[in-house]
């Protein structure tokens, strides 16, 4: 990993091409957004481009899913059909990881997200993403959980089964090979 959190010129060009191809293939996810405007914003934010590369590298297939009129930011989500393959088998956060007595996972969803410079989706954002396609038909994704629920030891996750989206709860220290997390990045 690059400690400067910047991509080389070649890496940036390759990622921009990947993002442009995905953008053009999935126009229904970002109606009213022009690629040229988005590309300018990406090129002006090398740290954000680095985070998008991390999302791509771990299997997230990031794509722009919206534009925040108030902040002037584009919103990217992981749009891989299933929870990103290299971000699974993680408990929710560091407190949950430390509370485990045995069989600790390699890392936590919150720590990995922070290292990548992204956030976990909220329950509302997860529902919005699910309106753009069918995601997590075989996997599930940890979601940003309220501090009140975390104080009680729990965390939430979501998936799509039987034609609808479900939000569940689990002990935050649990981890499964089919549960990862989807990220959100504002650019």
C-alpha atoms as a PDB file:
ATOM      1  CA  UNK A   1       0.000   0.000   0.000  1.00  0.00           C
ATOM      2  CA  UNK A   2       1.152   3.505  -0.796  1.00  0.00           C
ATOM      3  CA  UNK A   3       1.721   5.403   2.482  1.00  0.00           C
ATOM      4  CA  UNK A   4       1.071   8.725   0.703  1.00  0.00           C
ATOM      5  CA  UNK A   5      -2.374   7.517  -0.323  1.00  0.00           C
ATOM      6  CA  UNK A   6      -1.828   8.673  -3.874  1.00  0.00           C
ATOM      7  CA  UNK A   7      -1.812   6.744  -7.099  1.00  0.00           C
ATOM      8  CA  UNK A   8       0.799   7.001  -9.824  1.00  0.00           C
ATOM      9  CA  UNK A   9      -0.266   8.749 -13.016  1.00  0.00           C
ATOM     10  CA  UNK A  10      -0.634   5.366 -14.743  1.00  0.00           C
ATOM     11  CA  UNK A  11      -2.673   3.902 -11.882  1.00  0.00           C
ATOM     12  CA  UNK A  12      -4.932   6.970 -11.911  1.00  0.00           C
ATOM     13  CA  UNK A  13      -5.499   6.711 -15.659  1.00  0.00           C
ATOM     14  CA  UNK A  14      -6.267   2.983 -15.403  1.00  0.00           C
ATOM     15  CA  UNK A  15      -8.733   3.533 -12.560  1.00  0.00           C
ATOM     16  CA  UNK A  16     -10.426   6.448 -14.332  1.00  0.00           C
ATOM     17  CA  UNK A  17     -10.890   4.258 -17.404  1.00  0.00           C
ATOM     18  CA  UNK A  18     -12.382   1.466 -15.277  1.00  0.00           C
ATOM     19  CA  UNK A  19     -14.730   3.929 -13.571  1.00  0.00           C
ATOM     20  CA  UNK A  20     -15.739   5.516 -16.887  1.00  0.00           C
ATOM     21  CA  UNK A  21     -16.526   2.112 -18.417  1.00  0.00           C
ATOM     22  CA  UNK A  22     -18.636   1.163 -15.373  1.00  0.00           C
ATOM     23  CA  UNK A  23     -20.309   4.596 -15.414  1.00  0.00           C
ATOM     24  CA  UNK A  24     -21.308   4.204 -19.068  1.00  0.00           C
ATOM     25  CA  UNK A  25     -22.487   0.617 -18.574  1.00  0.00           C
ATOM     26  CA  UNK A  26     -24.753   1.525 -15.616  1.00  0.00           C
ATOM     27  CA  UNK A  27     -26.333   4.865 -16.548  1.00  0.00           C
ATOM     28  CA  UNK A  28     -29.454   4.095 -14.498  1.00  0.00           C
ATOM     29  CA  UNK A  29     -27.446   4.515 -11.285  1.00  0.00           C
ATOM     30  CA  UNK A  30     -26.574   8.166 -11.928  1.00  0.00           C
ATOM     31  CA  UNK A  31     -29.153   9.936 -14.057  1.00  0.00           C
ATOM     32  CA  UNK A  32     -28.297  13.582 -14.696  1.00  0.00           C
ATOM     33  CA  UNK A  33     -24.596  13.197 -13.902  1.00  0.00           C
ATOM     34  CA  UNK A  34     -22.073  13.902 -16.647  1.00  0.00           C
ATOM     35  CA  UNK A  35     -18.850  11.891 -16.763  1.00  0.00           C
ATOM     36  CA  UNK A  36     -16.706  14.903 -17.741  1.00  0.00           C
ATOM     37  CA  UNK A  37     -17.787  16.821 -14.603  1.00  0.00           C
ATOM     38  CA  UNK A  38     -17.181  13.780 -12.435  1.00  0.00           C
ATOM     39  CA  UNK A  39     -13.770  13.109 -13.974  1.00  0.00           C
ATOM     40  CA  UNK A  40     -12.633  16.700 -13.286  1.00  0.00           C
ATOM     41  CA  UNK A  41     -13.663  16.329  -9.653  1.00  0.00           C
ATOM     42  CA  UNK A  42     -11.848  12.987  -9.353  1.00  0.00           C
ATOM     43  CA  UNK A  43      -8.659  14.335 -10.920  1.00  0.00           C
ATOM     44  CA  UNK A  44      -8.698  17.257  -8.474  1.00  0.00           C
ATOM     45  CA  UNK A  45      -8.914  14.900  -5.466  1.00  0.00           C
ATOM     46  CA  UNK A  46      -6.046  12.373  -5.568  1.00  0.00           C
ATOM     47  CA  UNK A  47      -6.761  11.146  -2.025  1.00  0.00           C
ATOM     48  CA  UNK A  48     -10.329  10.282  -2.999  1.00  0.00           C
ATOM     49  CA  UNK A  49      -9.071   8.561  -6.143  1.00  0.00           C
ATOM     50  CA  UNK A  50      -6.781   6.484  -3.905  1.00  0.00           C
ATOM     51  CA  UNK A  51      -9.795   5.471  -1.778  1.00  0.00           C
ATOM     52  CA  UNK A  52     -11.749   4.506  -4.902  1.00  0.00           C
ATOM     53  CA  UNK A  53      -8.794   2.393  -5.978  1.00  0.00           C
ATOM     54  CA  UNK A  54      -8.894   0.619  -2.605  1.00  0.00           C
ATOM     55  CA  UNK A  55     -12.603  -0.010  -3.116  1.00  0.00           C
ATOM     56  CA  UNK A  56     -11.878  -1.429  -6.565  1.00  0.00           C
ATOM     57  CA  UNK A  57      -8.884  -3.483  -5.408  1.00  0.00           C
ATOM     58  CA  UNK A  58     -10.925  -5.201  -2.687  1.00  0.00           C
ATOM     59  CA  UNK A  59     -13.723  -6.152  -5.092  1.00  0.00           C
ATOM     60  CA  UNK A  60     -16.211  -3.362  -4.478  1.00  0.00           C
ATOM     61  CA  UNK A  61     -16.759  -2.200  -8.066  1.00  0.00           C
ATOM     62  CA  UNK A  62     -17.406   1.416  -6.972  1.00  0.00           C
ATOM     63  CA  UNK A  63     -19.779   3.536  -9.021  1.00  0.00           C
ATOM     64  CA  UNK A  64     -21.314   6.969  -8.572  1.00  0.00           C
ATOM     65  CA  UNK A  65     -24.877   6.683  -7.258  1.00  0.00           C
ATOM     66  CA  UNK A  66     -25.764  10.294  -6.559  1.00  0.00           C
ATOM     67  CA  UNK A  67     -24.867  13.945  -6.232  1.00  0.00           C
ATOM     68  CA  UNK A  68     -25.353  15.983  -3.054  1.00  0.00           C
ATOM     69  CA  UNK A  69     -26.611  19.408  -4.167  1.00  0.00           C
ATOM     70  CA  UNK A  70     -25.812  21.023  -0.802  1.00  0.00           C
ATOM     71  CA  UNK A  71     -22.186  19.928  -0.561  1.00  0.00           C
ATOM     72  CA  UNK A  72     -21.457  19.635  -4.285  1.00  0.00           C
ATOM     73  CA  UNK A  73     -20.129  16.105  -3.730  1.00  0.00           C
ATOM     74  CA  UNK A  74     -20.556  13.013  -5.829  1.00  0.00           C
ATOM     75  CA  UNK A  75     -21.503   9.892  -3.876  1.00  0.00           C
ATOM     76  CA  UNK A  76     -19.872   6.554  -4.652  1.00  0.00           C
ATOM     77  CA  UNK A  77     -20.990   3.158  -3.326  1.00  0.00           C
ATOM     78  CA  UNK A  78     -19.636  -0.319  -3.756  1.00  0.00           C
ATOM     79  CA  UNK A  79     -21.861  -1.773  -6.485  1.00  0.00           C
ATOM     80  CA  UNK A  80     -20.456  -5.300  -6.697  1.00  0.00           C
ATOM     81  CA  UNK A  81     -23.286  -7.846  -6.871  1.00  0.00           C
ATOM     82  CA  UNK A  82     -22.157  -9.413  -3.582  1.00  0.00           C
ATOM     83  CA  UNK A  83     -20.425  -7.901  -0.559  1.00  0.00           C
ATOM     84  CA  UNK A  84     -16.838  -7.116  -1.676  1.00  0.00           C
ATOM     85  CA  UNK A  85     -14.872 -10.368  -1.638  1.00  0.00           C
ATOM     86  CA  UNK A  86     -11.764  -9.014   0.072  1.00  0.00           C
ATOM     87  CA  UNK A  87     -13.749  -7.321   2.852  1.00  0.00           C
ATOM     88  CA  UNK A  88     -15.480 -10.320   4.394  1.00  0.00           C
ATOM     89  CA  UNK A  89     -14.970 -12.348   7.589  1.00  0.00           C
ATOM     90  CA  UNK A  90     -14.679  -9.191   9.688  1.00  0.00           C
ATOM     91  CA  UNK A  91     -16.379  -8.406  12.968  1.00  0.00           C
ATOM     92  CA  UNK A  92     -18.000  -4.978  13.230  1.00  0.00           C
ATOM     93  CA  UNK A  93     -15.515  -2.792  15.147  1.00  0.00           C
ATOM     94  CA  UNK A  94     -12.425  -2.763  17.363  1.00  0.00           C
ATOM     95  CA  UNK A  95     -14.410  -2.995  20.625  1.00  0.00           C
ATOM     96  CA  UNK A  96     -16.124  -6.149  19.340  1.00  0.00           C
ATOM     97  CA  UNK A  97     -12.799  -7.571  18.152  1.00  0.00           C
ATOM     98  CA  UNK A  98     -11.168  -6.960  21.538  1.00  0.00           C
ATOM     99  CA  UNK A  99     -14.144  -8.524  23.342  1.00  0.00           C
ATOM    100  CA  UNK A 100     -13.685 -11.845  21.544  1.00  0.00           C
ATOM    101  CA  UNK A 101     -11.976 -14.422  23.722  1.00  0.00           C
ATOM    102  CA  UNK A 102     -10.978 -16.778  20.895  1.00  0.00           C
ATOM    103  CA  UNK A 103     -10.937 -17.085  17.105  1.00  0.00           C
ATOM    104  CA  UNK A 104     -10.547 -13.383  16.442  1.00  0.00           C
ATOM    105  CA  UNK A 105     -10.981 -12.374  12.809  1.00  0.00           C
ATOM    106  CA  UNK A 106      -8.116 -10.704  11.008  1.00  0.00           C
ATOM    107  CA  UNK A 107      -9.669  -7.249  11.247  1.00  0.00           C
ATOM    108  CA  UNK A 108     -12.875  -5.232  11.676  1.00  0.00           C
ATOM    109  CA  UNK A 109     -15.195  -3.607   9.161  1.00  0.00           C
ATOM    110  CA  UNK A 110     -14.866  -0.180  10.774  1.00  0.00           C
ATOM    111  CA  UNK A 111     -11.057  -0.341  10.892  1.00  0.00           C
ATOM    112  CA  UNK A 112     -10.751  -1.474   7.271  1.00  0.00           C
ATOM    113  CA  UNK A 113     -13.168   1.250   6.137  1.00  0.00           C
ATOM    114  CA  UNK A 114     -11.229   3.927   8.023  1.00  0.00           C
ATOM    115  CA  UNK A 115      -7.939   2.725   6.550  1.00  0.00           C
ATOM    116  CA  UNK A 116      -9.480   2.921   3.071  1.00  0.00           C
ATOM    117  CA  UNK A 117     -10.882   6.410   3.725  1.00  0.00           C
ATOM    118  CA  UNK A 118     -14.517   5.321   3.285  1.00  0.00           C
ATOM    119  CA  UNK A 119     -17.591   4.874   5.477  1.00  0.00           C
ATOM    120  CA  UNK A 120     -19.967   1.972   5.983  1.00  0.00           C
ATOM    121  CA  UNK A 121     -23.408   2.506   4.492  1.00  0.00           C
ATOM    122  CA  UNK A 122     -26.218   3.467   6.839  1.00  0.00           C
ATOM    123  CA  UNK A 123     -29.465   1.511   6.805  1.00  0.00           C
ATOM    124  CA  UNK A 124     -31.086   4.270   4.718  1.00  0.00           C
ATOM    125  CA  UNK A 125     -28.185   4.353   2.231  1.00  0.00           C
ATOM    126  CA  UNK A 126     -28.321   0.565   1.925  1.00  0.00           C
ATOM    127  CA  UNK A 127     -32.032   0.729   1.048  1.00  0.00           C
ATOM    128  CA  UNK A 128     -31.277   3.456  -1.534  1.00  0.00           C
ATOM    129  CA  UNK A 129     -28.539   1.304  -3.097  1.00  0.00           C
ATOM    130  CA  UNK A 130     -30.905  -1.664  -3.271  1.00  0.00           C
ATOM    131  CA  UNK A 131     -33.289   0.470  -5.371  1.00  0.00           C
ATOM    132  CA  UNK A 132     -30.572   0.635  -8.056  1.00  0.00           C
ATOM    133  CA  UNK A 133     -30.196  -3.141  -8.381  1.00  0.00           C
ATOM    134  CA  UNK A 134     -30.231  -6.460  -6.586  1.00  0.00           C
ATOM    135  CA  UNK A 135     -27.266  -6.607  -4.231  1.00  0.00           C
ATOM    136  CA  UNK A 136     -26.239  -9.167  -1.606  1.00  0.00           C
ATOM    137  CA  UNK A 137     -28.346 -12.058  -2.892  1.00  0.00           C
ATOM    138  CA  UNK A 138     -25.865 -14.572  -1.391  1.00  0.00           C
ATOM    139  CA  UNK A 139     -23.890 -12.389   1.031  1.00  0.00           C
ATOM    140  CA  UNK A 140     -24.659  -9.733   3.631  1.00  0.00           C
ATOM    141  CA  UNK A 141     -23.094  -6.399   4.534  1.00  0.00           C
ATOM    142  CA  UNK A 142     -22.443  -4.770   7.898  1.00  0.00           C
ATOM    143  CA  UNK A 143     -24.168  -1.360   8.180  1.00  0.00           C
ATOM    144  CA  UNK A 144     -23.321   1.687  10.269  1.00  0.00           C
ATOM    145  CA  UNK A 145     -24.857   1.012  13.662  1.00  0.00           C
ATOM    146  CA  UNK A 146     -26.072   3.482  16.286  1.00  0.00           C
ATOM    147  CA  UNK A 147     -23.990   3.976  19.409  1.00  0.00           C
ATOM    148  CA  UNK A 148     -26.981   2.896  21.524  1.00  0.00           C
ATOM    149  CA  UNK A 149     -27.066  -0.509  19.854  1.00  0.00           C
ATOM    150  CA  UNK A 150     -23.283  -0.824  20.035  1.00  0.00           C
ATOM    151  CA  UNK A 151     -23.368  -0.174  23.796  1.00  0.00           C
ATOM    152  CA  UNK A 152     -25.614  -3.229  24.048  1.00  0.00           C
ATOM    153  CA  UNK A 153     -23.165  -5.327  22.011  1.00  0.00           C
ATOM    154  CA  UNK A 154     -25.077  -5.456  18.751  1.00  0.00           C
ATOM    155  CA  UNK A 155     -24.665  -4.284  15.183  1.00  0.00           C
ATOM    156  CA  UNK A 156     -26.850  -4.376  12.081  1.00  0.00           C
ATOM    157  CA  UNK A 157     -26.358  -5.831   8.622  1.00  0.00           C
ATOM    158  CA  UNK A 158     -28.453  -6.173   5.506  1.00  0.00           C
ATOM    159  CA  UNK A 159     -29.053  -8.423   2.530  1.00  0.00           C
ATOM    160  CA  UNK A 160     -31.638  -9.141  -0.159  1.00  0.00           C
ATOM    161  CA  UNK A 161     -33.593 -12.383  -0.042  1.00  0.00           C
ATOM    162  CA  UNK A 162     -36.927 -13.487  -1.486  1.00  0.00           C
ATOM    163  CA  UNK A 163     -37.278 -10.275  -3.496  1.00  0.00           C
ATOM    164  CA  UNK A 164     -36.917  -7.844  -0.607  1.00  0.00           C
ATOM    165  CA  UNK A 165     -34.291  -6.150   1.548  1.00  0.00           C
ATOM    166  CA  UNK A 166     -33.847  -7.328   5.128  1.00  0.00           C
ATOM    167  CA  UNK A 167     -32.031  -5.570   7.956  1.00  0.00           C
ATOM    168  CA  UNK A 168     -30.939  -7.844  10.794  1.00  0.00           C
ATOM    169  CA  UNK A 169     -28.988  -7.647  14.037  1.00  0.00           C
ATOM    170  CA  UNK A 170     -26.143  -9.747  15.349  1.00  0.00           C
ATOM    171  CA  UNK A 171     -23.505  -9.553  18.020  1.00  0.00           C
ATOM    172  CA  UNK A 172     -20.907  -7.084  16.746  1.00  0.00           C
ATOM    173  CA  UNK A 173     -18.185  -9.633  17.512  1.00  0.00           C
ATOM    174  CA  UNK A 174     -19.612 -12.150  15.036  1.00  0.00           C
ATOM    175  CA  UNK A 175     -18.071 -12.689  11.632  1.00  0.00           C
ATOM    176  CA  UNK A 176     -18.919 -14.870   8.683  1.00  0.00           C
ATOM    177  CA  UNK A 177     -17.310 -15.760   5.366  1.00  0.00           C
ATOM    178  CA  UNK A 178     -20.356 -14.358   3.569  1.00  0.00           C
ATOM    179  CA  UNK A 179     -20.571 -11.066   5.503  1.00  0.00           C
ATOM    180  CA  UNK A 180     -18.521  -8.040   4.566  1.00  0.00           C
ATOM    181  CA  UNK A 181     -19.303  -4.374   4.181  1.00  0.00           C
ATOM    182  CA  UNK A 182     -20.102  -1.897   1.443  1.00  0.00           C
ATOM    183  CA  UNK A 183     -18.480   1.485   1.451  1.00  0.00           C
ATOM    184  CA  UNK A 184     -19.535   5.026   0.701  1.00  0.00           C
ATOM    185  CA  UNK A 185     -17.206   7.766  -0.497  1.00  0.00           C
ATOM    186  CA  UNK A 186     -18.003  11.423  -1.091  1.00  0.00           C
ATOM    187  CA  UNK A 187     -15.927  13.239  -3.725  1.00  0.00           C
END
